[in-house]
């Protein structure tokens, strides 16, 4: 039997509301809240997942 290294990558996404004066301020607030674990993405928020052989990253398979 051969051994293969498989890479699985998930992308999580969710929506959070922020009150701010500008778009820039809203992004700054959101990033701060994310870094302070006030905005937390849950595993069920999986938006996209794919897998591929580490040796052949061009042959990716969407799994979600």
C-alpha atoms as a PDB file:
ATOM      1  CA  UNK A   1       0.000   0.000   0.000  1.00  0.00           C
ATOM      2  CA  UNK A   2       1.122   3.546  -0.760  1.00  0.00           C
ATOM      3  CA  UNK A   3       0.689   6.496   1.584  1.00  0.00           C
ATOM      4  CA  UNK A   4      -0.743   9.768   0.319  1.00  0.00           C
ATOM      5  CA  UNK A   5      -1.028  13.131   2.029  1.00  0.00           C
ATOM      6  CA  UNK A   6      -4.478  14.638   1.521  1.00  0.00           C
ATOM      7  CA  UNK A   7      -5.181  18.296   2.253  1.00  0.00           C
ATOM      8  CA  UNK A   8      -8.713  19.301   3.260  1.00  0.00           C
ATOM      9  CA  UNK A   9      -9.525  22.995   3.399  1.00  0.00           C
ATOM     10  CA  UNK A  10     -12.721  24.527   4.747  1.00  0.00           C
ATOM     11  CA  UNK A  11     -13.968  28.068   4.426  1.00  0.00           C
ATOM     12  CA  UNK A  12     -16.326  29.299   7.124  1.00  0.00           C
ATOM     13  CA  UNK A  13     -18.581  32.287   6.629  1.00  0.00           C
ATOM     14  CA  UNK A  14     -21.222  34.055   8.672  1.00  0.00           C
ATOM     15  CA  UNK A  15     -22.837  37.493   8.895  1.00  0.00           C
ATOM     16  CA  UNK A  16     -22.443  39.916  11.798  1.00  0.00           C
ATOM     17  CA  UNK A  17     -23.979  43.362  12.181  1.00  0.00           C
ATOM     18  CA  UNK A  18     -21.813  46.277  13.283  1.00  0.00           C
ATOM     19  CA  UNK A  19     -22.765  49.879  13.998  1.00  0.00           C
ATOM     20  CA  UNK A  20     -20.219  52.417  12.734  1.00  0.00           C
ATOM     21  CA  UNK A  21     -19.907  55.801  11.032  1.00  0.00           C
ATOM     22  CA  UNK A  22     -18.020  54.488   7.967  1.00  0.00           C
ATOM     23  CA  UNK A  23     -17.330  51.220   6.145  1.00  0.00           C
ATOM     24  CA  UNK A  24     -13.699  51.372   7.270  1.00  0.00           C
ATOM     25  CA  UNK A  25     -14.707  51.767  10.894  1.00  0.00           C
ATOM     26  CA  UNK A  26     -17.173  48.882  10.553  1.00  0.00           C
ATOM     27  CA  UNK A  27     -14.405  46.610   9.257  1.00  0.00           C
ATOM     28  CA  UNK A  28     -12.053  47.705  12.053  1.00  0.00           C
ATOM     29  CA  UNK A  29     -14.717  46.973  14.660  1.00  0.00           C
ATOM     30  CA  UNK A  30     -15.533  43.595  13.105  1.00  0.00           C
ATOM     31  CA  UNK A  31     -11.868  42.568  12.983  1.00  0.00           C
ATOM     32  CA  UNK A  32     -11.380  43.619  16.608  1.00  0.00           C
ATOM     33  CA  UNK A  33     -14.468  41.671  17.680  1.00  0.00           C
ATOM     34  CA  UNK A  34     -13.239  38.620  15.727  1.00  0.00           C
ATOM     35  CA  UNK A  35      -9.777  38.835  17.296  1.00  0.00           C
ATOM     36  CA  UNK A  36     -11.346  39.149  20.768  1.00  0.00           C
ATOM     37  CA  UNK A  37     -13.604  36.119  20.112  1.00  0.00           C
ATOM     38  CA  UNK A  38     -16.758  38.223  20.219  1.00  0.00           C
ATOM     39  CA  UNK A  39     -17.528  37.134  16.645  1.00  0.00           C
ATOM     40  CA  UNK A  40     -17.052  33.376  16.408  1.00  0.00           C
ATOM     41  CA  UNK A  41     -17.565  31.210  13.349  1.00  0.00           C
ATOM     42  CA  UNK A  42     -19.128  27.839  14.092  1.00  0.00           C
ATOM     43  CA  UNK A  43     -18.309  24.583  12.249  1.00  0.00           C
ATOM     44  CA  UNK A  44     -21.872  24.476  10.929  1.00  0.00           C
ATOM     45  CA  UNK A  45     -21.089  27.782   9.169  1.00  0.00           C
ATOM     46  CA  UNK A  46     -19.025  25.874   6.605  1.00  0.00           C
ATOM     47  CA  UNK A  47     -19.393  27.710   3.308  1.00  0.00           C
ATOM     48  CA  UNK A  48     -16.992  25.713   1.141  1.00  0.00           C
ATOM     49  CA  UNK A  49     -14.698  22.694   1.432  1.00  0.00           C
ATOM     50  CA  UNK A  50     -12.313  20.997  -0.960  1.00  0.00           C
ATOM     51  CA  UNK A  51      -9.699  18.260  -0.888  1.00  0.00           C
ATOM     52  CA  UNK A  52      -6.574  17.476  -2.897  1.00  0.00           C
ATOM     53  CA  UNK A  53      -3.434  15.416  -2.894  1.00  0.00           C
ATOM     54  CA  UNK A  54      -0.591  17.474  -1.476  1.00  0.00           C
ATOM     55  CA  UNK A  55       1.571  16.314  -4.372  1.00  0.00           C
ATOM     56  CA  UNK A  56      -1.012  17.469  -6.953  1.00  0.00           C
ATOM     57  CA  UNK A  57      -2.759  20.659  -5.776  1.00  0.00           C
ATOM     58  CA  UNK A  58      -4.138  21.346  -9.270  1.00  0.00           C
ATOM     59  CA  UNK A  59      -6.501  18.371  -8.969  1.00  0.00           C
ATOM     60  CA  UNK A  60      -8.880  19.707  -6.314  1.00  0.00           C
ATOM     61  CA  UNK A  61     -12.261  18.163  -5.532  1.00  0.00           C
ATOM     62  CA  UNK A  62     -15.102  20.218  -4.062  1.00  0.00           C
ATOM     63  CA  UNK A  63     -16.592  18.303  -1.145  1.00  0.00           C
ATOM     64  CA  UNK A  64     -19.050  20.912   0.118  1.00  0.00           C
END
